[in-house]
Amino acid sequence: MGAQLAQVGMGTVDVAMTGHASATDLAAASLGSSVWLPLVLFMIGTLMGLTPIVAQHVGARRFAHIRPAVHQALWVAGALGLCCALGIRALAAPVFGWMSVPADVLPLAMRYLAGVAFGLPAIALYETLRFYSDGLGHTRASLQFALLGLAVNIVANYVLIFGGDGLTALFGSGLPAALQAIPARGAAGCGIATAISMWSMFLAMLVYTKLAPAYRRARFGQAFSWPALAPIGELLRVGLPVGVAIFAEVSLFTLIALFLAGYGEIVIAAHTVALNFSSVLFMLPLSLGMALTVRVGQALGRGKLRHARFVAFNGVACALVAAFVIDLILVFAGPFAVSLYTGNAAVQRLAIELLLIATLYQFSDALQVSLAGALRGYKDTRIIMAVTLVSYWGVGVGLGNLLGRGVHGVFAGLGVYGYWIGLIAGLSVAAVLLARRLRRTSRLRRFSAAGP
């Protein structure tokens, strides 16, 4: 959970710091994020297939099988990182043109994306090493290097977003003239800072996993192997459906940001602030889901099928408790949190209203992410892909767009509120369908071990 909070903290820092630069910079960074974030999370979800592979090898004490699996995942990560970087540069202009992004926001968003693209290969390689470490049960490394990335991101943002004025406000007027003369780059500087933090995380994690004693039984850096079809095929078989599922879930949120582009800067900024703060709190059930993948996978590797089912459903119960806590925070701490993002009264008022709507989907969201985490431990990932495509794109995006834009001659539409109602419906459908699947999968695995 600490690692997830630190990583999402980088996005929170970006939103908060660009928001204090200007509403235009905030809109540019949020719209730029809506382009690169779905692609990157698709890439990360695909690489997430490494976690149950490593976890089941650990449970079965097959440590010799771990190293080649990590090698192949690194090859896949490098290829995906380069493709995402090139794809973002190619897709950004057509997507922004299609969504009628305001003329004053468009050039800033393009420069922001140009900076972020440089760091995408690094984040792909970092996440691969992170999932390798998590599968072994060494989750503290993820926390340490996510905190490092957060610290680098904060400092780099101060330098590159605000320039010399930001450094002067932070450290006083006694800085050298060269530092005070650094130009403010706004959203463009935020993109460069994001890339710098991505590279710092990868390089630090690389050195640590190659040298730390905790990895000696399955150290990946020895006897490196060239790409091989069989292990790459296994990784993609498990991970690719996860990547598609995560892409579908994230696109439910980011497509809404793009649909709202024509509603003006106030609506875009309020939606971004509310979604970002609720996403920070979502890290609690998300972390439980990731832990479930490891614990269920290791139990299955040891052949303890009944215990795997026990772990899965107790983890889901913990996620429901987490959702209740999140609702309390949204209601009582939401207004204060919104004030940290922006001082614009109109943005604050709308963001607080959206946070109250967000309380309605916390239980569904916590359920679906914990259920998906348990199913990943079983390597039952194709159903996750199918459910999320139907629930998020069919129900969430379809219903949200219908309620948001309205029907000509019938009703005018609810605007941003309609899109958020679509979120609630999509997440609720996903939770119901994944619950049925986990109940069936865990029973089949248990009964198949005992015989017909």
Protein backbone atom coordinates (compact mmCIF):
# COMPACT_ATOMS: atom_id res chain seq x y z
CA MET A 1 0.00 0.00 0.00
CA GLY A 2 2.86 2.34 0.77
CA ALA A 3 4.34 1.73 -2.67
CA GLN A 4 1.02 2.38 -4.39
CA LEU A 5 0.41 5.56 -2.40
CA ALA A 6 3.88 6.83 -3.24
CA GLN A 7 3.39 6.13 -6.94
CA VAL A 8 -0.04 7.73 -7.13
CA GLY A 9 1.43 10.54 -5.04
CA MET A 10 3.51 11.52 -8.04
CA GLY A 11 0.32 12.08 -10.02
CA THR A 12 -1.19 13.96 -7.09
CA VAL A 13 1.86 16.21 -6.86
CA ASP A 14 1.66 16.88 -10.60
CA VAL A 15 -2.01 17.85 -10.39
CA ALA A 16 -1.56 20.01 -7.28
CA MET A 17 1.55 21.82 -8.52
CA THR A 18 0.27 22.47 -12.06
CA GLY A 19 -3.03 23.60 -10.50
CA HIS A 20 -1.17 26.26 -8.55
CA ALA A 21 0.64 27.33 -11.72
CA SER A 22 -2.60 28.03 -13.63
CA ALA A 23 -5.92 26.44 -14.59
CA THR A 24 -4.60 26.14 -18.15
CA ASP A 25 -1.52 24.20 -17.02
CA LEU A 26 -3.72 21.93 -14.90
CA ALA A 27 -6.04 21.26 -17.84
CA ALA A 28 -3.05 20.53 -20.10
CA ALA A 29 -1.50 18.06 -17.65
CA SER A 30 -4.82 16.31 -16.97
CA LEU A 31 -5.67 15.96 -20.66
CA GLY A 32 -2.13 14.80 -21.42
CA SER A 33 -2.43 12.20 -18.66
CA SER A 34 -5.67 10.95 -20.19
CA VAL A 35 -3.67 10.02 -23.30
CA TRP A 36 -0.55 8.39 -21.84
CA LEU A 37 -1.96 6.86 -18.66
CA PRO A 38 -4.25 4.25 -20.30
CA LEU A 39 -1.44 3.06 -22.58
CA VAL A 40 1.06 2.85 -19.74
CA LEU A 41 -1.36 1.01 -17.48
CA PHE A 42 -2.11 -1.44 -20.28
CA MET A 43 1.63 -2.04 -20.46
CA ILE A 44 1.96 -2.38 -16.69
CA GLY A 45 -1.05 -4.72 -16.51
CA THR A 46 0.51 -6.96 -19.14
CA LEU A 47 3.75 -7.11 -17.16
CA MET A 48 1.74 -7.78 -13.98
CA GLY A 49 1.36 -11.34 -15.27
CA LEU A 50 4.88 -11.89 -13.94
CA THR A 51 3.69 -11.70 -10.31
CA PRO A 52 1.56 -14.90 -10.21
CA ILE A 53 4.18 -16.73 -12.31
CA VAL A 54 6.93 -15.89 -9.81
CA ALA A 55 4.62 -16.45 -6.82
CA GLN A 56 3.64 -19.96 -7.92
CA HIS A 57 7.31 -20.85 -8.58
CA VAL A 58 8.16 -19.62 -5.08
CA GLY A 59 5.34 -21.65 -3.53
CA ALA A 60 6.53 -24.79 -5.36
CA ARG A 61 10.22 -24.02 -4.48
CA ARG A 62 11.13 -23.89 -8.20
CA PHE A 63 13.61 -21.04 -7.82
CA ALA A 64 15.59 -21.97 -10.95
CA HIS A 65 12.52 -21.18 -13.08
CA ILE A 66 12.25 -17.60 -11.83
CA ARG A 67 15.35 -16.13 -13.49
CA PRO A 68 14.42 -16.98 -17.11
CA ALA A 69 10.85 -15.77 -16.53
CA VAL A 70 12.16 -12.38 -15.39
CA HIS A 71 14.58 -12.17 -18.34
CA GLN A 72 11.76 -12.66 -20.83
CA ALA A 73 9.56 -10.15 -19.02
CA LEU A 74 12.33 -7.55 -19.34
CA TRP A 75 12.46 -8.11 -23.10
CA VAL A 76 8.70 -7.63 -23.30
CA ALA A 77 8.91 -4.53 -21.09
CA GLY A 78 11.54 -2.89 -23.27
CA ALA A 79 9.49 -3.48 -26.41
CA LEU A 80 6.26 -2.25 -24.81
CA GLY A 81 7.95 0.86 -23.39
CA LEU A 82 9.32 1.91 -26.77
CA CYS A 83 6.00 1.23 -28.51
CA CYS A 84 4.09 3.29 -25.94
CA ALA A 85 6.52 6.19 -26.24
CA LEU A 86 6.22 6.25 -30.03
CA GLY A 87 2.47 5.65 -29.93
CA ILE A 88 1.82 8.57 -27.60
CA ARG A 89 3.69 10.95 -29.85
CA ALA A 90 1.73 9.71 -32.86
CA LEU A 91 -1.75 9.56 -31.25
CA ALA A 92 -1.79 12.75 -29.20
CA ALA A 93 -2.53 15.28 -31.94
CA PRO A 94 -5.38 13.29 -33.61
CA VAL A 95 -7.00 12.51 -30.23
CA PHE A 96 -6.84 16.12 -29.07
CA GLY A 97 -8.19 17.30 -32.40
CA TRP A 98 -11.09 14.85 -32.26
CA MET A 99 -12.00 15.98 -28.73
CA SER A 100 -11.88 19.72 -29.61
CA VAL A 101 -9.33 20.60 -26.93
CA PRO A 102 -9.25 24.40 -26.38
CA ALA A 103 -6.59 26.21 -28.42
CA ASP A 104 -4.78 27.62 -25.37
CA VAL A 105 -4.51 24.16 -23.76
CA LEU A 106 -3.45 22.14 -26.82
CA PRO A 107 0.22 23.25 -27.22
CA LEU A 108 0.87 22.88 -23.49
CA ALA A 109 -0.61 19.37 -23.47
CA MET A 110 1.56 18.37 -26.44
CA ARG A 111 4.74 19.62 -24.76
CA TYR A 112 3.75 17.81 -21.56
CA LEU A 113 3.40 14.53 -23.45
CA ALA A 114 6.74 15.02 -25.22
CA GLY A 115 8.45 15.09 -21.82
CA VAL A 116 6.59 12.10 -20.39
CA ALA A 117 7.30 9.91 -23.44
CA PHE A 118 11.02 9.91 -22.69
CA GLY A 119 10.42 8.08 -19.39
CA LEU A 120 8.04 5.34 -20.57
CA PRO A 121 10.68 2.66 -21.35
CA ALA A 122 12.10 3.23 -17.86
CA ILE A 123 8.77 2.80 -16.07
CA ALA A 124 8.11 -0.43 -18.02
CA LEU A 125 11.44 -1.90 -16.90
CA TYR A 126 10.95 -0.67 -13.33
CA GLU A 127 7.51 -2.25 -13.03
CA THR A 128 8.90 -5.57 -14.29
CA LEU A 129 11.52 -5.60 -11.54
CA ARG A 130 8.88 -4.54 -9.06
CA PHE A 131 6.53 -7.41 -9.96
CA TYR A 132 9.46 -9.83 -9.76
CA SER A 133 10.23 -8.54 -6.27
CA ASP A 134 6.57 -8.63 -5.20
CA GLY A 135 6.21 -12.22 -6.41
CA LEU A 136 9.11 -13.20 -4.19
CA GLY A 137 7.35 -11.49 -1.26
CA HIS A 138 9.89 -8.65 -1.02
CA THR A 139 7.42 -5.78 -1.19
CA ARG A 140 9.48 -3.33 0.84
CA ALA A 141 11.69 -2.60 -2.18
CA SER A 142 8.63 -1.32 -4.06
CA LEU A 143 7.95 1.12 -1.24
CA GLN A 144 11.53 2.35 -1.01
CA PHE A 145 11.92 3.15 -4.68
CA ALA A 146 8.44 4.56 -5.11
CA LEU A 147 9.29 7.00 -2.31
CA LEU A 148 12.53 7.82 -4.12
CA GLY A 149 10.59 8.55 -7.30
CA LEU A 150 8.15 10.75 -5.37
CA ALA A 151 10.97 12.77 -3.81
CA VAL A 152 12.69 13.26 -7.17
CA ASN A 153 9.37 14.23 -8.74
CA ILE A 154 8.65 16.92 -6.14
CA VAL A 155 12.05 18.56 -6.49
CA ALA A 156 12.05 18.32 -10.29
CA ASN A 157 8.54 19.79 -10.43
CA TYR A 158 9.58 22.81 -8.36
CA VAL A 159 12.50 23.44 -10.68
CA LEU A 160 10.77 22.80 -14.00
CA ILE A 161 7.17 23.97 -13.40
CA PHE A 162 7.86 27.18 -11.48
CA GLY A 163 11.49 27.83 -12.46
CA GLY A 164 13.50 30.30 -10.41
CA ASP A 165 10.40 31.75 -8.73
CA GLY A 166 9.49 28.34 -7.32
CA LEU A 167 12.99 27.73 -6.02
CA THR A 168 13.04 31.16 -4.42
CA ALA A 169 9.73 30.49 -2.69
CA LEU A 170 11.04 27.15 -1.45
CA PHE A 171 14.58 28.03 -0.38
CA GLY A 172 14.57 31.84 -0.02
CA SER A 173 16.21 34.63 -1.99
CA GLY A 174 19.78 33.60 -1.24
CA LEU A 175 20.01 31.26 -4.23
CA PRO A 176 22.64 31.83 -6.95
CA ALA A 177 21.52 34.02 -9.83
CA ALA A 178 21.73 31.09 -12.27
CA LEU A 179 19.09 29.15 -10.31
CA GLN A 180 16.83 32.17 -9.95
CA ALA A 181 16.97 32.67 -13.72
CA ILE A 182 15.61 29.18 -14.55
CA PRO A 183 12.50 29.70 -16.72
CA ALA A 184 9.10 28.43 -15.61
CA ARG A 185 7.83 25.72 -17.98
CA GLY A 186 4.44 24.92 -16.43
CA ALA A 187 2.85 21.70 -17.70
CA ALA A 188 5.76 21.08 -20.08
CA GLY A 189 8.17 21.06 -17.13
CA CYS A 190 5.86 18.68 -15.28
CA GLY A 191 6.21 16.15 -18.12
CA ILE A 192 10.01 16.34 -18.01
CA ALA A 193 9.98 15.93 -14.21
CA THR A 194 7.80 12.82 -14.54
CA ALA A 195 10.32 11.25 -16.95
CA ILE A 196 13.24 12.04 -14.63
CA SER A 197 11.48 10.35 -11.70
CA MET A 198 10.74 7.27 -13.83
CA TRP A 199 14.38 6.82 -14.77
CA SER A 200 15.55 7.32 -11.17
CA MET A 201 13.20 4.58 -9.95
CA PHE A 202 14.30 2.08 -12.59
CA LEU A 203 18.04 2.61 -12.12
CA ALA A 204 17.78 2.36 -8.33
CA MET A 205 15.64 -0.81 -8.50
CA LEU A 206 18.03 -2.37 -11.01
CA VAL A 207 21.05 -1.90 -8.75
CA TYR A 208 19.15 -3.11 -5.68
CA THR A 209 17.80 -6.34 -7.18
CA LYS A 210 21.22 -7.22 -8.58
CA LEU A 211 23.04 -6.72 -5.24
CA ALA A 212 20.64 -7.23 -2.29
CA PRO A 213 20.98 -10.58 -0.43
CA ALA A 214 17.19 -11.11 -0.43
CA TYR A 215 17.31 -12.06 -4.13
CA ARG A 216 20.22 -14.52 -4.01
CA ARG A 217 18.08 -17.65 -4.64
CA ALA A 218 16.54 -16.23 -7.82
CA ARG A 219 18.77 -13.36 -8.91
CA PHE A 220 17.77 -12.37 -12.43
CA GLY A 221 21.01 -10.68 -13.49
CA GLN A 222 23.05 -13.88 -13.93
CA ALA A 223 23.31 -15.77 -17.26
CA PHE A 224 21.02 -13.40 -19.14
CA SER A 225 18.98 -15.09 -21.87
CA TRP A 226 17.79 -13.99 -25.30
CA PRO A 227 14.06 -13.82 -26.13
CA ALA A 228 12.33 -17.22 -26.08
CA LEU A 229 8.81 -17.86 -27.35
CA ALA A 230 7.57 -20.26 -24.65
CA PRO A 231 8.13 -18.08 -21.53
CA ILE A 232 7.10 -14.94 -23.39
CA GLY A 233 3.95 -16.79 -24.47
CA GLU A 234 3.16 -17.74 -20.86
CA LEU A 235 3.67 -14.17 -19.69
CA LEU A 236 1.40 -12.79 -22.41
CA ARG A 237 -1.22 -15.50 -21.82
CA VAL A 238 -1.49 -14.46 -18.17
CA GLY A 239 -0.63 -10.79 -18.47
CA LEU A 240 -2.20 -9.59 -21.71
CA PRO A 241 -5.81 -10.07 -20.49
CA VAL A 242 -4.83 -8.17 -17.31
CA GLY A 243 -3.42 -5.37 -19.44
CA VAL A 244 -6.59 -5.17 -21.51
CA ALA A 245 -8.72 -5.23 -18.34
CA ILE A 246 -6.76 -2.43 -16.70
CA PHE A 247 -6.85 -0.44 -19.93
CA ALA A 248 -10.64 -0.85 -20.03
CA GLU A 249 -11.00 0.26 -16.40
CA VAL A 250 -8.71 3.26 -16.74
CA SER A 251 -10.23 4.27 -20.06
CA LEU A 252 -13.58 4.45 -18.28
CA PHE A 253 -12.11 7.34 -16.28
CA THR A 254 -9.85 8.90 -18.89
CA LEU A 255 -12.38 8.82 -21.72
CA ILE A 256 -14.69 10.78 -19.48
CA ALA A 257 -11.93 13.38 -19.06
CA LEU A 258 -11.69 13.63 -22.85
CA PHE A 259 -15.48 13.83 -23.27
CA LEU A 260 -15.48 16.71 -20.78
CA ALA A 261 -12.85 18.65 -22.75
CA GLY A 262 -15.51 20.76 -24.43
CA TYR A 263 -17.18 21.73 -21.13
CA GLY A 264 -14.45 24.23 -20.21
CA GLU A 265 -11.49 24.48 -17.88
CA ILE A 266 -13.51 24.60 -14.64
CA VAL A 267 -15.26 21.27 -15.31
CA ILE A 268 -12.03 19.62 -16.49
CA ALA A 269 -10.10 20.82 -13.45
CA ALA A 270 -12.84 19.83 -10.95
CA HIS A 271 -13.19 16.37 -12.49
CA THR A 272 -9.40 15.91 -12.35
CA VAL A 273 -9.14 17.02 -8.72
CA ALA A 274 -12.03 14.82 -7.53
CA LEU A 275 -10.84 11.81 -9.49
CA ASN A 276 -7.25 12.22 -8.36
CA PHE A 277 -8.12 12.43 -4.66
CA SER A 278 -10.49 9.44 -4.84
CA SER A 279 -7.76 7.54 -6.74
CA VAL A 280 -5.33 8.16 -3.87
CA LEU A 281 -7.78 6.53 -1.46
CA PHE A 282 -8.41 3.70 -3.93
CA MET A 283 -4.81 2.59 -3.37
CA LEU A 284 -5.92 0.80 -0.19
CA PRO A 285 -8.23 -1.78 -1.87
CA LEU A 286 -5.92 -1.91 -4.90
CA SER A 287 -3.02 -2.87 -2.66
CA LEU A 288 -5.11 -5.57 -1.01
CA GLY A 289 -5.87 -6.94 -4.49
CA MET A 290 -2.17 -7.02 -5.39
CA ALA A 291 -1.34 -8.75 -2.12
CA LEU A 292 -4.07 -11.30 -2.84
CA THR A 293 -2.41 -12.16 -6.14
CA VAL A 294 0.82 -13.03 -4.32
CA ARG A 295 -0.76 -14.89 -1.40
CA VAL A 296 -3.19 -16.89 -3.52
CA GLY A 297 -0.47 -17.72 -6.07
CA GLN A 298 1.96 -18.94 -3.41
CA ALA A 299 -0.76 -21.04 -1.74
CA LEU A 300 -1.60 -22.67 -5.08
CA GLY A 301 2.09 -23.30 -5.75
CA ARG A 302 2.29 -25.20 -2.46
CA GLY A 303 -0.81 -27.20 -3.41
CA LYS A 304 -2.90 -25.69 -0.58
CA LEU A 305 -6.06 -25.12 -2.58
CA ARG A 306 -8.44 -24.79 0.37
CA HIS A 307 -6.17 -22.18 1.95
CA ALA A 308 -6.04 -20.24 -1.35
CA ARG A 309 -9.85 -19.98 -1.30
CA PHE A 310 -9.79 -18.92 2.36
CA VAL A 311 -7.24 -16.17 1.63
CA ALA A 312 -9.18 -14.93 -1.40
CA PHE A 313 -12.51 -14.40 0.31
CA ASN A 314 -11.04 -12.96 3.50
CA GLY A 315 -9.17 -10.46 1.32
CA VAL A 316 -12.43 -9.46 -0.33
CA ALA A 317 -13.96 -8.88 3.11
CA CYS A 318 -11.03 -6.64 4.04
CA ALA A 319 -11.63 -4.62 0.86
CA LEU A 320 -15.22 -3.93 1.95
CA VAL A 321 -13.97 -2.58 5.27
CA ALA A 322 -11.51 -0.40 3.36
CA ALA A 323 -14.37 0.98 1.22
CA PHE A 324 -16.27 2.04 4.34
CA VAL A 325 -13.20 3.89 5.65
CA ILE A 326 -12.73 5.59 2.27
CA ASP A 327 -16.33 6.84 2.30
CA LEU A 328 -15.79 8.43 5.70
CA ILE A 329 -12.67 10.19 4.43
CA LEU A 330 -14.43 11.45 1.30
CA VAL A 331 -17.29 12.94 3.30
CA PHE A 332 -15.35 14.52 6.16
CA ALA A 333 -11.94 15.31 4.64
CA GLY A 334 -12.98 15.97 1.03
CA PRO A 335 -13.37 19.77 1.26
CA PHE A 336 -9.98 20.20 2.94
CA ALA A 337 -8.29 17.93 0.40
CA VAL A 338 -9.79 19.85 -2.51
CA SER A 339 -8.44 23.12 -1.10
CA LEU A 340 -4.91 21.67 -1.29
CA TYR A 341 -5.26 21.16 -5.04
CA THR A 342 -6.55 24.55 -6.09
CA GLY A 343 -7.67 27.92 -4.74
CA ASN A 344 -10.27 28.45 -7.48
CA ALA A 345 -13.67 28.64 -5.72
CA ALA A 346 -15.65 27.33 -8.70
CA VAL A 347 -13.34 24.34 -9.12
CA GLN A 348 -13.51 23.60 -5.39
CA ARG A 349 -17.31 23.69 -5.29
CA LEU A 350 -17.78 21.30 -8.22
CA ALA A 351 -15.00 18.96 -7.05
CA ILE A 352 -16.62 18.58 -3.61
CA GLU A 353 -19.95 17.68 -5.24
CA LEU A 354 -18.22 15.04 -7.36
CA LEU A 355 -16.52 13.55 -4.29
CA LEU A 356 -19.92 13.06 -2.67
CA ILE A 357 -21.01 11.15 -5.79
CA ALA A 358 -17.79 9.11 -5.53
CA THR A 359 -18.91 7.74 -2.15
CA LEU A 360 -21.58 5.74 -4.01
CA TYR A 361 -19.14 3.56 -5.98
CA GLN A 362 -16.47 2.83 -3.36
CA PHE A 363 -17.88 -0.57 -2.35
CA SER A 364 -18.26 -1.70 -5.96
CA ASP A 365 -14.77 -0.47 -6.81
CA ALA A 366 -13.17 -2.16 -3.79
CA LEU A 367 -15.00 -5.41 -4.56
CA GLN A 368 -14.02 -5.58 -8.21
CA VAL A 369 -10.33 -4.81 -7.64
CA SER A 370 -9.94 -7.36 -4.82
CA LEU A 371 -11.84 -10.03 -6.75
CA ALA A 372 -9.65 -9.40 -9.80
CA GLY A 373 -6.51 -9.65 -7.65
CA ALA A 374 -7.57 -13.05 -6.31
CA LEU A 375 -8.41 -14.30 -9.82
CA ARG A 376 -4.95 -13.22 -11.03
CA GLY A 377 -3.48 -15.44 -8.32
CA TYR A 378 -5.35 -18.35 -9.95
CA LYS A 379 -4.02 -17.16 -13.37
CA ASP A 380 -7.69 -16.89 -14.35
CA THR A 381 -7.25 -13.61 -16.22
CA ARG A 382 -9.23 -13.96 -19.44
CA ILE A 383 -12.54 -13.63 -17.63
CA ILE A 384 -11.30 -10.41 -16.01
CA MET A 385 -10.71 -9.00 -19.48
CA ALA A 386 -14.17 -10.00 -20.72
CA VAL A 387 -15.96 -8.65 -17.65
CA THR A 388 -14.18 -5.32 -17.67
CA LEU A 389 -14.74 -4.75 -21.38
CA VAL A 390 -18.48 -5.33 -21.00
CA SER A 391 -18.85 -3.49 -17.68
CA TYR A 392 -16.63 -0.47 -18.25
CA TRP A 393 -16.92 0.22 -21.96
CA GLY A 394 -20.40 -1.16 -22.48
CA VAL A 395 -22.15 -0.05 -19.31
CA GLY A 396 -19.85 2.63 -17.86
CA VAL A 397 -18.86 4.59 -20.95
CA GLY A 398 -22.10 3.91 -22.84
CA LEU A 399 -24.47 4.86 -20.04
CA GLY A 400 -22.25 7.73 -18.86
CA ASN A 401 -22.11 9.25 -22.33
CA LEU A 402 -25.87 8.87 -22.74
CA LEU A 403 -26.65 10.51 -19.39
CA GLY A 404 -23.95 13.15 -19.77
CA ARG A 405 -24.74 14.33 -23.30
CA GLY A 406 -28.46 13.58 -23.19
CA VAL A 407 -30.77 12.63 -26.02
CA HIS A 408 -31.85 15.32 -28.46
CA GLY A 409 -35.50 16.14 -27.96
CA VAL A 410 -35.83 13.94 -24.86
CA PHE A 411 -33.61 15.44 -22.13
CA ALA A 412 -30.69 17.84 -22.10
CA GLY A 413 -28.25 15.61 -20.25
CA LEU A 414 -26.66 15.80 -16.82
CA GLY A 415 -23.17 16.88 -17.89
CA VAL A 416 -20.34 15.75 -15.65
CA TYR A 417 -22.82 14.23 -13.16
CA GLY A 418 -24.15 11.85 -15.80
CA TYR A 419 -20.67 10.57 -16.56
CA TRP A 420 -20.06 9.85 -12.89
CA ILE A 421 -23.35 7.93 -12.66
CA GLY A 422 -22.01 5.81 -15.53
CA LEU A 423 -18.91 5.09 -13.42
CA ILE A 424 -21.08 3.75 -10.61
CA ALA A 425 -23.05 1.47 -12.93
CA GLY A 426 -19.97 0.05 -14.69
CA LEU A 427 -18.10 -0.72 -11.47
CA SER A 428 -21.18 -2.34 -9.90
CA VAL A 429 -21.72 -4.69 -12.84
CA ALA A 430 -18.03 -5.67 -12.78
CA ALA A 431 -18.17 -6.47 -9.05
CA VAL A 432 -21.17 -8.79 -9.44
CA LEU A 433 -19.72 -10.70 -12.39
CA LEU A 434 -16.23 -11.12 -10.88
CA ALA A 435 -17.71 -12.36 -7.59
CA ARG A 436 -19.56 -15.11 -9.43
CA ARG A 437 -16.37 -16.08 -11.28
CA LEU A 438 -14.16 -16.26 -8.18
CA ARG A 439 -16.75 -18.42 -6.40
CA ARG A 440 -16.79 -20.82 -9.35
CA THR A 441 -13.03 -20.85 -9.99
CA SER A 442 -12.03 -21.47 -6.38
CA ARG A 443 -14.54 -24.31 -6.09
CA LEU A 444 -13.41 -25.97 -9.31
CA ARG A 445 -9.77 -25.82 -8.25
CA ARG A 446 -10.57 -27.28 -4.84
CA PHE A 447 -12.75 -30.09 -6.17
CA SER A 448 -10.41 -30.96 -9.05
CA ALA A 449 -7.61 -31.57 -6.54
CA ALA A 450 -9.77 -33.99 -4.55
CA GLY A 451 -11.11 -35.82 -7.58
CA PRO A 452 -14.61 -35.93 -9.11
